[in-house]
Amino acid sequence: MKKILLILTLFISINVAGQGEAANWYFGFGAGMQFDLATGNTTALNDGQLSTNEGCSTISDANGNLLFYSDGTTVWNRNHQVMPNGNGLFGDSSSTQ
């Protein structure tokens, strides 16, 4: 029984993909990183609109496609444009949680 469970676990783990939701990071002053889950390579990004020391978040879908990112006061879409109603939010670009 243990051997069958081990074999199933190994087989299932081969087909599992990484978490694409964490494939894109935008932070700091226009900086960013993109993690390629298939190859393990990392690419520097310099197209972000953030200007913050801390308190930012980036959201991607399960396939690693950028959806939006924010500094707590503004939300930008994947095209780095402010989203509708994405300005003047009551967050703070200096918050850490």
PDB file of N, CA and C in Angstrom:
ATOM      1  N   MET A   1       0.825  -1.200   0.000  1.00  0.00           N
ATOM      2  CA  MET A   1       0.000   0.000   0.000  1.00  0.00           C
ATOM      3  C   MET A   1       0.868   1.262   0.000  1.00  0.00           C
ATOM      4  N   LYS A   2       1.935   1.234   0.803  1.00  0.00           N
ATOM      5  CA  LYS A   2       2.812   2.409   0.873  1.00  0.00           C
ATOM      6  C   LYS A   2       3.508   2.662  -0.460  1.00  0.00           C
ATOM      7  N   LYS A   3       3.859   1.576  -1.162  1.00  0.00           N
ATOM      8  CA  LYS A   3       4.520   1.726  -2.458  1.00  0.00           C
ATOM      9  C   LYS A   3       3.581   2.362  -3.482  1.00  0.00           C
ATOM     10  N   ILE A   4       2.336   1.938  -3.469  1.00  0.00           N
ATOM     11  CA  ILE A   4       1.352   2.503  -4.398  1.00  0.00           C
ATOM     12  C   ILE A   4       1.146   3.986  -4.113  1.00  0.00           C
ATOM     13  N   LEU A   5       1.056   4.339  -2.836  1.00  0.00           N
ATOM     14  CA  LEU A   5       0.892   5.736  -2.458  1.00  0.00           C
ATOM     15  C   LEU A   5       2.102   6.566  -2.876  1.00  0.00           C
ATOM     16  N   LEU A   6       3.282   6.016  -2.706  1.00  0.00           N
ATOM     17  CA  LEU A   6       4.500   6.718  -3.113  1.00  0.00           C
ATOM     18  C   LEU A   6       4.523   6.929  -4.620  1.00  0.00           C
ATOM     19  N   ILE A   7       4.187   5.910  -5.376  1.00  0.00           N
ATOM     20  CA  ILE A   7       4.179   6.020  -6.838  1.00  0.00           C
ATOM     21  C   ILE A   7       3.140   7.041  -7.296  1.00  0.00           C
ATOM     22  N   LEU A   8       1.954   7.013  -6.704  1.00  0.00           N
ATOM     23  CA  LEU A   8       0.929   8.001  -7.055  1.00  0.00           C
ATOM     24  C   LEU A   8       1.377   9.416  -6.726  1.00  0.00           C
ATOM     25  N   THR A   9       2.005   9.592  -5.584  1.00  0.00           N
ATOM     26  CA  THR A   9       2.492  10.915  -5.183  1.00  0.00           C
ATOM     27  C   THR A   9       3.530  11.432  -6.161  1.00  0.00           C
ATOM     28  N   LEU A  10       4.457  10.574  -6.570  1.00  0.00           N
ATOM     29  CA  LEU A  10       5.479  10.991  -7.534  1.00  0.00           C
ATOM     30  C   LEU A  10       4.855  11.317  -8.891  1.00  0.00           C
ATOM     31  N   PHE A  11       3.896  10.509  -9.322  1.00  0.00           N
ATOM     32  CA  PHE A  11       3.247  10.756 -10.606  1.00  0.00           C
ATOM     33  C   PHE A  11       2.463  12.062 -10.601  1.00  0.00           C
ATOM     34  N   ILE A  12       1.739  12.320  -9.543  1.00  0.00           N
ATOM     35  CA  ILE A  12       0.945  13.542  -9.438  1.00  0.00           C
ATOM     36  C   ILE A  12       1.853  14.765  -9.378  1.00  0.00           C
ATOM     37  N   SER A  13       2.976  14.676  -8.672  1.00  0.00           N
ATOM     38  CA  SER A  13       3.856  15.838  -8.531  1.00  0.00           C
ATOM     39  C   SER A  13       4.518  16.220  -9.843  1.00  0.00           C
ATOM     40  N   ILE A  14       4.651  15.286 -10.770  1.00  0.00           N
ATOM     41  CA  ILE A  14       5.223  15.598 -12.080  1.00  0.00           C
ATOM     42  C   ILE A  14       4.298  16.519 -12.861  1.00  0.00           C
ATOM     43  N   ASN A  15       2.998  16.353 -12.706  1.00  0.00           N
ATOM     44  CA  ASN A  15       2.020  17.118 -13.470  1.00  0.00           C
ATOM     45  C   ASN A  15       1.591  18.415 -12.793  1.00  0.00           C
ATOM     46  N   VAL A  16       2.078  18.691 -11.633  1.00  0.00           N
ATOM     47  CA  VAL A  16       1.669  19.888 -10.906  1.00  0.00           C
ATOM     48  C   VAL A  16       2.496  21.074 -11.386  1.00  0.00           C
ATOM     49  N   ALA A  17       1.823  22.174 -11.694  1.00  0.00           N
ATOM     50  CA  ALA A  17       2.511  23.401 -12.118  1.00  0.00           C
ATOM     51  C   ALA A  17       2.705  24.308 -10.919  1.00  0.00           C
ATOM     52  N   GLY A  18       3.679  25.205 -11.026  1.00  0.00           N
ATOM     53  CA  GLY A  18       3.918  26.164  -9.960  1.00  0.00           C
ATOM     54  C   GLY A  18       2.775  27.151  -9.829  1.00  0.00           C
ATOM     55  N   GLN A  19       2.847  27.952  -8.826  1.00  0.00           N
ATOM     56  CA  GLN A  19       1.790  28.928  -8.580  1.00  0.00           C
ATOM     57  C   GLN A  19       2.036  30.173  -9.413  1.00  0.00           C
ATOM     58  N   GLY A  20       1.343  30.274 -10.530  1.00  0.00           N
ATOM     59  CA  GLY A  20       1.493  31.404 -11.431  1.00  0.00           C
ATOM     60  C   GLY A  20       1.055  32.714 -10.823  1.00  0.00           C
ATOM     61  N   GLU A  21       0.269  32.647  -9.750  1.00  0.00           N
ATOM     62  CA  GLU A  21      -0.203  33.867  -9.100  1.00  0.00           C
ATOM     63  C   GLU A  21       0.950  34.705  -8.554  1.00  0.00           C
ATOM     64  N   ALA A  22       2.104  34.101  -8.355  1.00  0.00           N
ATOM     65  CA  ALA A  22       3.267  34.814  -7.817  1.00  0.00           C
ATOM     66  C   ALA A  22       4.347  35.023  -8.880  1.00  0.00           C
ATOM     67  N   ALA A  23       3.991  34.936 -10.156  1.00  0.00           N
ATOM     68  CA  ALA A  23       4.969  35.032 -11.237  1.00  0.00           C
ATOM     69  C   ALA A  23       5.451  36.460 -11.493  1.00  0.00           C
ATOM     70  N   ASN A  24       4.679  37.454 -11.093  1.00  0.00           N
ATOM     71  CA  ASN A  24       5.040  38.852 -11.345  1.00  0.00           C
ATOM     72  C   ASN A  24       5.127  39.608 -10.033  1.00  0.00           C
ATOM     73  N   TRP A  25       6.179  40.373  -9.893  1.00  0.00           N
ATOM     74  CA  TRP A  25       6.344  41.236  -8.716  1.00  0.00           C
ATOM     75  C   TRP A  25       6.649  42.650  -9.197  1.00  0.00           C
ATOM     76  N   TYR A  26       5.866  43.627  -8.736  1.00  0.00           N
ATOM     77  CA  TYR A  26       6.181  45.039  -8.946  1.00  0.00           C
ATOM     78  C   TYR A  26       6.387  45.670  -7.582  1.00  0.00           C
ATOM     79  N   PHE A  27       7.414  46.494  -7.466  1.00  0.00           N
ATOM     80  CA  PHE A  27       7.776  47.068  -6.170  1.00  0.00           C
ATOM     81  C   PHE A  27       8.672  48.281  -6.382  1.00  0.00           C
ATOM     82  N   GLY A  28       8.940  49.008  -5.315  1.00  0.00           N
ATOM     83  CA  GLY A  28       9.910  50.098  -5.341  1.00  0.00           C
ATOM     84  C   GLY A  28       9.523  51.239  -6.259  1.00  0.00           C
ATOM     85  N   PHE A  29      10.480  51.670  -7.034  1.00  0.00           N
ATOM     86  CA  PHE A  29      10.324  52.834  -7.905  1.00  0.00           C
ATOM     87  C   PHE A  29      10.418  52.392  -9.365  1.00  0.00           C
ATOM     88  N   GLY A  30       9.315  51.841  -9.874  1.00  0.00           N
ATOM     89  CA  GLY A  30       9.259  51.370 -11.253  1.00  0.00           C
ATOM     90  C   GLY A  30       9.910  50.024 -11.487  1.00  0.00           C
ATOM     91  N   ALA A  31      10.302  49.329 -10.443  1.00  0.00           N
ATOM     92  CA  ALA A  31      10.996  48.057 -10.587  1.00  0.00           C
ATOM     93  C   ALA A  31      10.027  46.884 -10.586  1.00  0.00           C
ATOM     94  N   GLY A  32      10.483  45.764 -11.092  1.00  0.00           N
ATOM     95  CA  GLY A  32       9.684  44.559 -11.073  1.00  0.00           C
ATOM     96  C   GLY A  32      10.494  43.358 -11.482  1.00  0.00           C
ATOM     97  N   MET A  33       9.916  42.184 -11.261  1.00  0.00           N
ATOM     98  CA  MET A  33      10.540  40.920 -11.648  1.00  0.00           C
ATOM     99  C   MET A  33       9.449  39.988 -12.160  1.00  0.00           C
ATOM    100  N   GLN A  34       9.819  39.195 -13.148  1.00  0.00           N
ATOM    101  CA  GLN A  34       8.901  38.176 -13.655  1.00  0.00           C
ATOM    102  C   GLN A  34       9.617  36.836 -13.592  1.00  0.00           C
ATOM    103  N   PHE A  35       8.954  35.858 -12.991  1.00  0.00           N
ATOM    104  CA  PHE A  35       9.509  34.527 -12.826  1.00  0.00           C
ATOM    105  C   PHE A  35       8.869  33.599 -13.852  1.00  0.00           C
ATOM    106  N   ASP A  36       9.696  32.989 -14.698  1.00  0.00           N
ATOM    107  CA  ASP A  36       9.203  32.034 -15.686  1.00  0.00           C
ATOM    108  C   ASP A  36       9.134  30.671 -15.020  1.00  0.00           C
ATOM    109  N   LEU A  37       7.933  30.173 -14.794  1.00  0.00           N
ATOM    110  CA  LEU A  37       7.742  28.935 -14.062  1.00  0.00           C
ATOM    111  C   LEU A  37       8.239  27.726 -14.839  1.00  0.00           C
ATOM    112  N   ALA A  38       8.226  27.789 -16.160  1.00  0.00           N
ATOM    113  CA  ALA A  38       8.635  26.647 -16.971  1.00  0.00           C
ATOM    114  C   ALA A  38      10.151  26.461 -16.963  1.00  0.00           C
ATOM    115  N   THR A  39      10.895  27.572 -17.031  1.00  0.00           N
ATOM    116  CA  THR A  39      12.352  27.461 -17.140  1.00  0.00           C
ATOM    117  C   THR A  39      13.086  27.798 -15.851  1.00  0.00           C
ATOM    118  N   GLY A  40      12.407  28.499 -14.944  1.00  0.00           N
ATOM    119  CA  GLY A  40      13.066  28.926 -13.715  1.00  0.00           C
ATOM    120  C   GLY A  40      13.858  30.215 -13.872  1.00  0.00           C
ATOM    121  N   ASN A  41      13.783  30.834 -15.049  1.00  0.00           N
ATOM    122  CA  ASN A  41      14.492  32.091 -15.291  1.00  0.00           C
ATOM    123  C   ASN A  41      13.731  33.280 -14.711  1.00  0.00           C
ATOM    124  N   THR A  42      14.470  34.332 -14.410  1.00  0.00           N
ATOM    125  CA  THR A  42      13.896  35.565 -13.885  1.00  0.00           C
ATOM    126  C   THR A  42      14.236  36.709 -14.825  1.00  0.00           C
ATOM    127  N   THR A  43      13.252  37.568 -15.092  1.00  0.00           N
ATOM    128  CA  THR A  43      13.447  38.716 -15.969  1.00  0.00           C
ATOM    129  C   THR A  43      13.169  39.995 -15.187  1.00  0.00           C
ATOM    130  N   ALA A  44      14.050  40.965 -15.300  1.00  0.00           N
ATOM    131  CA  ALA A  44      13.830  42.269 -14.668  1.00  0.00           C
ATOM    132  C   ALA A  44      12.799  43.047 -15.473  1.00  0.00           C
ATOM    133  N   LEU A  45      11.895  43.723 -14.768  1.00  0.00           N
ATOM    134  CA  LEU A  45      10.880  44.561 -15.402  1.00  0.00           C
ATOM    135  C   LEU A  45      11.096  46.002 -14.970  1.00  0.00           C
ATOM    136  N   ASN A  46      10.968  46.929 -15.885  1.00  0.00           N
ATOM    137  CA  ASN A  46      11.136  48.343 -15.541  1.00  0.00           C
ATOM    138  C   ASN A  46       9.978  49.189 -16.045  1.00  0.00           C
ATOM    139  N   ASP A  47       8.817  48.552 -16.256  1.00  0.00           N
ATOM    140  CA  ASP A  47       7.668  49.268 -16.783  1.00  0.00           C
ATOM    141  C   ASP A  47       6.602  49.563 -15.727  1.00  0.00           C
ATOM    142  N   GLY A  48       6.872  49.251 -14.467  1.00  0.00           N
ATOM    143  CA  GLY A  48       5.903  49.490 -13.403  1.00  0.00           C
ATOM    144  C   GLY A  48       5.724  50.969 -13.101  1.00  0.00           C
ATOM    145  N   GLN A  49       4.575  51.304 -12.550  1.00  0.00           N
ATOM    146  CA  GLN A  49       4.250  52.691 -12.241  1.00  0.00           C
ATOM    147  C   GLN A  49       4.361  53.007 -10.752  1.00  0.00           C
ATOM    148  N   LEU A  50       4.768  52.031  -9.946  1.00  0.00           N
ATOM    149  CA  LEU A  50       4.859  52.248  -8.505  1.00  0.00           C
ATOM    150  C   LEU A  50       5.971  53.224  -8.152  1.00  0.00           C
ATOM    151  N   SER A  51       5.763  53.926  -7.069  1.00  0.00           N
ATOM    152  CA  SER A  51       6.781  54.801  -6.492  1.00  0.00           C
ATOM    153  C   SER A  51       6.623  54.721  -4.979  1.00  0.00           C
ATOM    154  N   THR A  52       7.158  53.643  -4.402  1.00  0.00           N
ATOM    155  CA  THR A  52       6.928  53.373  -2.993  1.00  0.00           C
ATOM    156  C   THR A  52       8.103  52.616  -2.380  1.00  0.00           C
ATOM    157  N   ASN A  53       8.331  52.840  -1.108  1.00  0.00           N
ATOM    158  CA  ASN A  53       9.362  52.091  -0.388  1.00  0.00           C
ATOM    159  C   ASN A  53       8.842  50.753   0.108  1.00  0.00           C
ATOM    160  N   GLU A  54       7.551  50.674   0.340  1.00  0.00           N
ATOM    161  CA  GLU A  54       6.938  49.459   0.878  1.00  0.00           C
ATOM    162  C   GLU A  54       5.440  49.494   0.614  1.00  0.00           C
ATOM    163  N   GLY A  55       4.734  48.469   1.026  1.00  0.00           N
ATOM    164  CA  GLY A  55       3.275  48.472   0.945  1.00  0.00           C
ATOM    165  C   GLY A  55       2.725  48.339  -0.451  1.00  0.00           C
ATOM    166  N   CYS A  56       3.193  47.359  -1.227  1.00  0.00           N
ATOM    167  CA  CYS A  56       2.676  47.162  -2.570  1.00  0.00           C
ATOM    168  C   CYS A  56       2.261  45.706  -2.753  1.00  0.00           C
ATOM    169  N   SER A  57       1.406  45.455  -3.743  1.00  0.00           N
ATOM    170  CA  SER A  57       0.998  44.093  -4.038  1.00  0.00           C
ATOM    171  C   SER A  57       0.790  43.934  -5.539  1.00  0.00           C
ATOM    172  N   THR A  58       1.016  42.703  -6.010  1.00  0.00           N
ATOM    173  CA  THR A  58       0.845  42.388  -7.422  1.00  0.00           C
ATOM    174  C   THR A  58      -0.011  41.137  -7.526  1.00  0.00           C
ATOM    175  N   ILE A  59      -0.999  41.152  -8.409  1.00  0.00           N
ATOM    176  CA  ILE A  59      -1.909  40.028  -8.569  1.00  0.00           C
ATOM    177  C   ILE A  59      -1.811  39.509 -10.001  1.00  0.00           C
ATOM    178  N   SER A  60      -1.564  38.200 -10.126  1.00  0.00           N
ATOM    179  CA  SER A  60      -1.518  37.523 -11.423  1.00  0.00           C
ATOM    180  C   SER A  60      -2.496  36.359 -11.395  1.00  0.00           C
ATOM    181  N   ASP A  61      -2.827  35.844 -12.571  1.00  0.00           N
ATOM    182  CA  ASP A  61      -3.713  34.682 -12.606  1.00  0.00           C
ATOM    183  C   ASP A  61      -2.892  33.399 -12.460  1.00  0.00           C
ATOM    184  N   ALA A  62      -3.564  32.250 -12.491  1.00  0.00           N
ATOM    185  CA  ALA A  62      -2.905  30.961 -12.277  1.00  0.00           C
ATOM    186  C   ALA A  62      -1.888  30.640 -13.364  1.00  0.00           C
ATOM    187  N   ASN A  63      -2.021  31.266 -14.536  1.00  0.00           N
ATOM    188  CA  ASN A  63      -1.079  31.042 -15.637  1.00  0.00           C
ATOM    189  C   ASN A  63       0.101  32.000 -15.604  1.00  0.00           C
ATOM    190  N   GLY A  64       0.153  32.888 -14.629  1.00  0.00           N
ATOM    191  CA  GLY A  64       1.249  33.830 -14.517  1.00  0.00           C
ATOM    192  C   GLY A  64       1.053  35.118 -15.279  1.00  0.00           C
ATOM    193  N   ASN A  65      -0.151  35.371 -15.763  1.00  0.00           N
ATOM    194  CA  ASN A  65      -0.438  36.618 -16.481  1.00  0.00           C
ATOM    195  C   ASN A  65      -0.749  37.722 -15.470  1.00  0.00           C
ATOM    196  N   LEU A  66      -0.072  38.852 -15.611  1.00  0.00           N
ATOM    197  CA  LEU A  66      -0.307  39.988 -14.733  1.00  0.00           C
ATOM    198  C   LEU A  66      -1.751  40.458 -14.860  1.00  0.00           C
ATOM    199  N   LEU A  67      -2.430  40.664 -13.739  1.00  0.00           N
ATOM    200  CA  LEU A  67      -3.790  41.203 -13.739  1.00  0.00           C
ATOM    201  C   LEU A  67      -3.778  42.662 -13.309  1.00  0.00           C
ATOM    202  N   PHE A  68      -3.215  42.954 -12.127  1.00  0.00           N
ATOM    203  CA  PHE A  68      -3.123  44.334 -11.645  1.00  0.00           C
ATOM    204  C   PHE A  68      -2.138  44.404 -10.492  1.00  0.00           C
ATOM    205  N   TYR A  69      -1.752  45.628 -10.125  1.00  0.00           N
ATOM    206  CA  TYR A  69      -0.864  45.853  -8.986  1.00  0.00           C
ATOM    207  C   TYR A  69      -1.216  47.179  -8.342  1.00  0.00           C
ATOM    208  N   SER A  70      -0.814  47.351  -7.082  1.00  0.00           N
ATOM    209  CA  SER A  70      -1.246  48.529  -6.328  1.00  0.00           C
ATOM    210  C   SER A  70      -0.220  48.914  -5.273  1.00  0.00           C
ATOM    211  N   ASP A  71      -0.234  50.199  -4.918  1.00  0.00           N
ATOM    212  CA  ASP A  71       0.557  50.685  -3.789  1.00  0.00           C
ATOM    213  C   ASP A  71      -0.337  51.042  -2.610  1.00  0.00           C
ATOM    214  N   GLY A  72      -1.608  50.686  -2.696  1.00  0.00           N
ATOM    215  CA  GLY A  72      -2.549  50.976  -1.622  1.00  0.00           C
ATOM    216  C   GLY A  72      -3.376  52.228  -1.871  1.00  0.00           C
ATOM    217  N   THR A  73      -2.898  53.122  -2.713  1.00  0.00           N
ATOM    218  CA  THR A  73      -3.652  54.330  -3.035  1.00  0.00           C
ATOM    219  C   THR A  73      -4.102  54.363  -4.493  1.00  0.00           C
ATOM    220  N   THR A  74      -3.404  53.609  -5.359  1.00  0.00           N
ATOM    221  CA  THR A  74      -3.719  53.549  -6.780  1.00  0.00           C
ATOM    222  C   THR A  74      -3.603  52.104  -7.244  1.00  0.00           C
ATOM    223  N   VAL A  75      -4.467  51.716  -8.191  1.00  0.00           N
ATOM    224  CA  VAL A  75      -4.413  50.369  -8.770  1.00  0.00           C
ATOM    225  C   VAL A  75      -4.184  50.511 -10.274  1.00  0.00           C
ATOM    226  N   TRP A  76      -3.147  49.825 -10.789  1.00  0.00           N
ATOM    227  CA  TRP A  76      -2.821  49.829 -12.206  1.00  0.00           C
ATOM    228  C   TRP A  76      -3.174  48.481 -12.809  1.00  0.00           C
ATOM    229  N   ASN A  77      -3.626  48.481 -14.058  1.00  0.00           N
ATOM    230  CA  ASN A  77      -3.953  47.225 -14.740  1.00  0.00           C
ATOM    231  C   ASN A  77      -2.706  46.642 -15.401  1.00  0.00           C
ATOM    232  N   ARG A  78      -2.860  45.554 -16.140  1.00  0.00           N
ATOM    233  CA  ARG A  78      -1.717  44.888 -16.770  1.00  0.00           C
ATOM    234  C   ARG A  78      -1.050  45.736 -17.835  1.00  0.00           C
ATOM    235  N   ASN A  79      -1.754  46.789 -18.314  1.00  0.00           N
ATOM    236  CA  ASN A  79      -1.178  47.714 -19.296  1.00  0.00           C
ATOM    237  C   ASN A  79      -0.554  48.929 -18.628  1.00  0.00           C
ATOM    238  N   HIS A  80      -0.452  48.893 -17.297  1.00  0.00           N
ATOM    239  CA  HIS A  80       0.166  49.950 -16.490  1.00  0.00           C
ATOM    240  C   HIS A  80      -0.608  51.265 -16.564  1.00  0.00           C
ATOM    241  N   GLN A  81      -1.922  51.152 -16.724  1.00  0.00           N
ATOM    242  CA  GLN A  81      -2.810  52.304 -16.710  1.00  0.00           C
ATOM    243  C   GLN A  81      -3.666  52.218 -15.447  1.00  0.00           C
ATOM    244  N   VAL A  82      -3.999  53.375 -14.891  1.00  0.00           N
ATOM    245  CA  VAL A  82      -4.847  53.399 -13.693  1.00  0.00           C
ATOM    246  C   VAL A  82      -6.203  52.807 -14.052  1.00  0.00           C
ATOM    247  N   MET A  83      -6.662  51.874 -13.239  1.00  0.00           N
ATOM    248  CA  MET A  83      -7.953  51.216 -13.471  1.00  0.00           C
ATOM    249  C   MET A  83      -9.094  52.179 -13.142  1.00  0.00           C
ATOM    250  N   PRO A  84     -10.273  51.962 -13.714  1.00  0.00           N
ATOM    251  CA  PRO A  84     -11.433  52.777 -13.347  1.00  0.00           C
ATOM    252  C   PRO A  84     -11.683  52.681 -11.837  1.00  0.00           C
ATOM    253  N   ASN A  85     -11.892  53.805 -11.200  1.00  0.00           N
ATOM    254  CA  ASN A  85     -12.074  53.892  -9.744  1.00  0.00           C
ATOM    255  C   ASN A  85     -10.855  53.394  -8.982  1.00  0.00           C
ATOM    256  N   GLY A  86      -9.694  53.359  -9.618  1.00  0.00           N
ATOM    257  CA  GLY A  86      -8.481  52.852  -8.992  1.00  0.00           C
ATOM    258  C   GLY A  86      -7.574  53.941  -8.474  1.00  0.00           C
ATOM    259  N   ASN A  87      -8.105  55.123  -8.257  1.00  0.00           N
ATOM    260  CA  ASN A  87      -7.312  56.258  -7.788  1.00  0.00           C
ATOM    261  C   ASN A  87      -7.915  56.813  -6.504  1.00  0.00           C
ATOM    262  N   GLY A  88      -7.086  57.347  -5.628  1.00  0.00           N
ATOM    263  CA  GLY A  88      -7.581  57.975  -4.407  1.00  0.00           C
ATOM    264  C   GLY A  88      -8.083  56.986  -3.369  1.00  0.00           C
ATOM    265  N   LEU A  89      -7.543  55.774  -3.371  1.00  0.00           N
ATOM    266  CA  LEU A  89      -7.954  54.779  -2.390  1.00  0.00           C
ATOM    267  C   LEU A  89      -7.392  55.147  -1.022  1.00  0.00           C
ATOM    268  N   PHE A  90      -7.982  54.616   0.017  1.00  0.00           N
ATOM    269  CA  PHE A  90      -7.595  55.002   1.376  1.00  0.00           C
ATOM    270  C   PHE A  90      -6.507  54.123   1.970  1.00  0.00           C
ATOM    271  N   GLY A  91      -5.807  53.358   1.150  1.00  0.00           N
ATOM    272  CA  GLY A  91      -4.640  52.613   1.619  1.00  0.00           C
ATOM    273  C   GLY A  91      -3.474  53.568   1.797  1.00  0.00           C
ATOM    274  N   ASP A  92      -2.308  53.025   2.038  1.00  0.00           N
ATOM    275  CA  ASP A  92      -1.121  53.867   2.222  1.00  0.00           C
ATOM    276  C   ASP A  92       0.079  53.156   1.620  1.00  0.00           C
ATOM    277  N   SER A  93       0.850  53.863   0.826  1.00  0.00           N
ATOM    278  CA  SER A  93       2.019  53.250   0.172  1.00  0.00           C
ATOM    279  C   SER A  93       3.123  52.941   1.171  1.00  0.00           C
ATOM    280  N   SER A  94       2.952  53.336   2.408  1.00  0.00           N
ATOM    281  CA  SER A  94       3.937  53.039   3.438  1.00  0.00           C
ATOM    282  C   SER A  94       3.461  51.957   4.399  1.00  0.00           C
ATOM    283  N   SER A  95       2.320  51.340   4.116  1.00  0.00           N
ATOM    284  CA  SER A  95       1.838  50.269   4.982  1.00  0.00           C
ATOM    285  C   SER A  95       2.566  48.972   4.653  1.00  0.00           C
ATOM    286  N   THR A  96       2.767  48.153   5.652  1.00  0.00           N
ATOM    287  CA  THR A  96       3.473  46.898   5.423  1.00  0.00           C
ATOM    288  C   THR A  96       2.582  45.677   5.588  1.00  0.00           C
ATOM    289  N   GLN A  97       1.326  45.880   5.936  1.00  0.00           N
ATOM    290  CA  GLN A  97       0.428  44.727   6.094  1.00  0.00           C
ATOM    291  C   GLN A  97      -0.916  45.028   5.460  1.00  0.00           C
TER     292      GLN A  97
END
